[in-house]
C-alpha atoms as a PDB file:
ATOM      1  CA  UNK A   1      -1.525   9.498 -44.013  1.00  0.00           C
ATOM      2  CA  UNK A   2       1.842   8.602 -45.615  1.00  0.00           C
ATOM      3  CA  UNK A   3       2.932   5.133 -45.978  1.00  0.00           C
ATOM      4  CA  UNK A   4       5.494   4.007 -43.195  1.00  0.00           C
ATOM      5  CA  UNK A   5       9.209   4.345 -43.975  1.00  0.00           C
ATOM      6  CA  UNK A   6      11.522   1.229 -43.813  1.00  0.00           C
ATOM      7  CA  UNK A   7      12.922   2.373 -40.545  1.00  0.00           C
ATOM      8  CA  UNK A   8       9.469   2.613 -38.952  1.00  0.00           C
ATOM      9  CA  UNK A   9       8.617  -0.835 -40.353  1.00  0.00           C
ATOM     10  CA  UNK A  10      11.788  -2.232 -38.814  1.00  0.00           C
ATOM     11  CA  UNK A  11      10.943  -0.614 -35.508  1.00  0.00           C
ATOM     12  CA  UNK A  12       7.310  -1.991 -35.579  1.00  0.00           C
ATOM     13  CA  UNK A  13       8.384  -5.537 -36.303  1.00  0.00           C
ATOM     14  CA  UNK A  14      11.046  -5.191 -33.309  1.00  0.00           C
ATOM     15  CA  UNK A  15       8.320  -4.036 -30.915  1.00  0.00           C
ATOM     16  CA  UNK A  16       5.860  -6.776 -32.225  1.00  0.00           C
ATOM     17  CA  UNK A  17       8.304  -9.497 -31.738  1.00  0.00           C
ATOM     18  CA  UNK A  18       9.335  -8.291 -28.224  1.00  0.00           C
ATOM     19  CA  UNK A  19       5.472  -8.353 -27.449  1.00  0.00           C
ATOM     20  CA  UNK A  20       5.043 -11.885 -28.779  1.00  0.00           C
ATOM     21  CA  UNK A  21       7.822 -13.225 -26.425  1.00  0.00           C
ATOM     22  CA  UNK A  22       6.870 -11.191 -23.474  1.00  0.00           C
ATOM     23  CA  UNK A  23       3.102 -12.007 -23.885  1.00  0.00           C
ATOM     24  CA  UNK A  24       3.008 -15.306 -21.997  1.00  0.00           C
ATOM     25  CA  UNK A  25       5.080 -13.830 -18.954  1.00  0.00           C
ATOM     26  CA  UNK A  26       2.681 -10.918 -18.859  1.00  0.00           C
ATOM     27  CA  UNK A  27      -0.192 -13.167 -18.832  1.00  0.00           C
ATOM     28  CA  UNK A  28       1.211 -15.135 -15.887  1.00  0.00           C
ATOM     29  CA  UNK A  29       1.909 -11.546 -14.139  1.00  0.00           C
ATOM     30  CA  UNK A  30      -1.735 -10.822 -14.474  1.00  0.00           C
ATOM     31  CA  UNK A  31      -2.994 -14.287 -13.517  1.00  0.00           C
ATOM     32  CA  UNK A  32      -0.888 -14.260 -10.383  1.00  0.00           C
ATOM     33  CA  UNK A  33      -2.108 -10.731  -9.569  1.00  0.00           C
ATOM     34  CA  UNK A  34      -5.753 -11.743 -10.014  1.00  0.00           C
ATOM     35  CA  UNK A  35      -5.195 -14.801  -7.588  1.00  0.00           C
ATOM     36  CA  UNK A  36      -3.407 -12.468  -5.070  1.00  0.00           C
ATOM     37  CA  UNK A  37      -6.157 -10.070  -5.086  1.00  0.00           C
ATOM     38  CA  UNK A  38      -8.625 -12.647  -4.318  1.00  0.00           C
ATOM     39  CA  UNK A  39      -6.716 -14.108  -1.537  1.00  0.00           C
ATOM     40  CA  UNK A  40      -6.134 -10.729   0.042  1.00  0.00           C
ATOM     41  CA  UNK A  41      -9.742  -9.660  -0.363  1.00  0.00           C
ATOM     42  CA  UNK A  42     -11.008 -12.682   1.243  1.00  0.00           C
ATOM     43  CA  UNK A  43      -8.831 -12.034   4.460  1.00  0.00           C
ATOM     44  CA  UNK A  44      -9.966  -8.313   4.576  1.00  0.00           C
ATOM     45  CA  UNK A  45     -11.740  -7.524   7.686  1.00  0.00           C
ATOM     46  CA  UNK A  46     -15.425  -6.627   7.661  1.00  0.00           C
ATOM     47  CA  UNK A  47     -15.966  -2.860   8.280  1.00  0.00           C
ATOM     48  CA  UNK A  48     -17.201  -1.972  11.635  1.00  0.00           C
ATOM     49  CA  UNK A  49     -20.687  -0.874  12.051  1.00  0.00           C
ATOM     50  CA  UNK A  50     -21.499   2.844  12.376  1.00  0.00           C
ATOM     51  CA  UNK A  51     -22.026   3.786  15.761  1.00  0.00           C
ATOM     52  CA  UNK A  52     -24.436   6.537  16.694  1.00  0.00           C
ATOM     53  CA  UNK A  53     -22.615   9.769  17.659  1.00  0.00           C
ATOM     54  CA  UNK A  54     -22.960  10.597  21.346  1.00  0.00           C
ATOM     55  CA  UNK A  55     -24.222  14.135  21.834  1.00  0.00           C
ATOM     56  CA  UNK A  56     -23.221  16.016  25.018  1.00  0.00           C
ATOM     57  CA  UNK A  57     -25.961  16.157  27.610  1.00  0.00           C
ATOM     58  CA  UNK A  58     -28.027  19.375  27.386  1.00  0.00           C
ATOM     59  CA  UNK A  59     -28.707  21.643  30.236  1.00  0.00           C
ATOM     60  CA  UNK A  60     -32.382  21.735  31.365  1.00  0.00           C
ATOM     61  CA  UNK A  61     -34.265  25.086  30.650  1.00  0.00           C
ATOM     62  CA  UNK A  62     -36.563  26.381  33.461  1.00  0.00           C
ATOM     63  CA  UNK A  63     -39.160  28.884  33.589  1.00  0.00           C
ATOM     64  CA  UNK A  64     -36.663  31.686  33.947  1.00  0.00           C
ATOM     65  CA  UNK A  65     -37.273  34.783  35.964  1.00  0.00           C
ATOM     66  CA  UNK A  66     -39.560  37.545  35.254  1.00  0.00           C
ATOM     67  CA  UNK A  67     -38.432  40.347  32.871  1.00  0.00           C
ATOM     68  CA  UNK A  68     -37.176  43.520  34.571  1.00  0.00           C
ATOM     69  CA  UNK A  69     -39.514  46.504  34.467  1.00  0.00           C
ATOM     70  CA  UNK A  70     -38.844  49.196  32.120  1.00  0.00           C
ATOM     71  CA  UNK A  71     -36.787  52.024  33.400  1.00  0.00           C
END
């Protein structure tokens, strides 16, 4: 791989300096999101228990009638 050019080095320095400045703010955002997710999770309702499925009533089957004689 070729060594970086002067322009690439300048851009890298700019980006790294922006990240150095924004780093503490991003850490605060992550910490706040962590706290918020814990509070929301604590207040989440418990899932309802599974109810058995009610099947429709089945008709009673009787003895039936005798088969018809062959024709």
